[in-house]
Protein backbone atom coordinates (compact mmCIF):
# COMPACT_ATOMS: atom_id res chain seq x y z
CA MET A 1 0.00 0.00 0.00
CA GLY A 2 1.05 3.57 -0.56
CA ALA A 3 1.63 6.07 2.21
CA ARG A 4 -1.60 7.95 1.48
CA VAL A 5 -3.64 4.80 1.63
CA ASP A 6 -2.04 3.88 4.96
CA ILE A 7 -2.81 7.32 6.40
CA VAL A 8 -6.44 7.22 5.28
CA GLN A 9 -6.81 3.71 6.70
CA ALA A 10 -5.30 4.79 10.04
CA MET A 11 -7.70 7.75 10.23
CA GLN A 12 -10.68 5.51 9.49
CA ASP A 13 -9.54 3.00 12.10
CA GLY A 14 -9.19 5.80 14.65
CA ARG A 15 -12.63 7.15 13.81
CA ARG A 16 -14.15 3.70 14.31
CA ALA A 17 -12.35 3.32 17.63
CA GLY A 18 -13.57 6.72 18.80
CA ALA A 19 -17.14 5.96 17.77
CA ALA A 20 -16.97 2.63 19.60
CA GLY A 21 -15.83 4.36 22.80
CA ASP A 22 -12.37 2.82 22.88
CA ARG A 23 -9.66 4.57 24.85
CA PRO A 24 -7.03 6.57 22.96
CA THR A 25 -4.42 4.17 24.32
CA ALA A 26 -5.90 1.55 21.99
CA CYS A 27 -3.92 3.12 19.14
CA PRO A 28 -1.82 0.37 17.56
CA TYR A 29 0.96 2.69 16.35
CA PRO A 30 4.05 3.68 18.36
CA ALA A 31 4.81 7.25 19.43
CA GLY A 32 6.51 9.27 16.72
CA ASN A 33 4.85 7.33 13.90
CA LEU A 34 2.93 9.40 11.33
CA LEU A 35 0.18 6.78 11.35
CA ARG A 36 -0.31 7.34 15.09
CA SER A 37 -1.02 11.00 14.39
CA ALA A 38 -3.52 10.05 11.69
CA TRP A 39 -5.20 7.49 13.95
CA LEU A 40 -5.54 10.02 16.76
CA ARG A 41 -6.98 12.64 14.38
CA GLY A 42 -9.65 10.18 13.30
CA TYR A 43 -10.27 9.20 16.91
CA ALA A 44 -10.68 12.82 17.99
CA ALA A 45 -13.06 13.54 15.11
CA ALA A 46 -15.41 10.77 16.26
CA ARG A 47 -15.41 11.56 19.99
CA PRO A 48 -17.92 14.15 21.21
CA LEU A 49 -16.66 17.13 23.16
CA LEU A 50 -17.36 17.06 26.87
CA ASN A 51 -19.75 20.02 26.67
CA GLU A 52 -21.67 18.45 23.78
CA ALA A 53 -22.02 15.13 25.59
CA ASN A 54 -23.21 16.66 28.88
CA PRO A 55 -24.91 20.00 28.28
CA GLN A 56 -25.77 21.92 31.42
């Protein structure tokens, strides 16, 4: 696979993990890896903000 494909796949995997409620420590990539950054971006996009989840 090419680098772009790997990055898109990592973002999609992160988004699925965030939507499923997994912890961010579930990321399968080591620190310093570009794919870890992509995974975490996807994860963050899927997780609701605290204020959105619990409006007061």
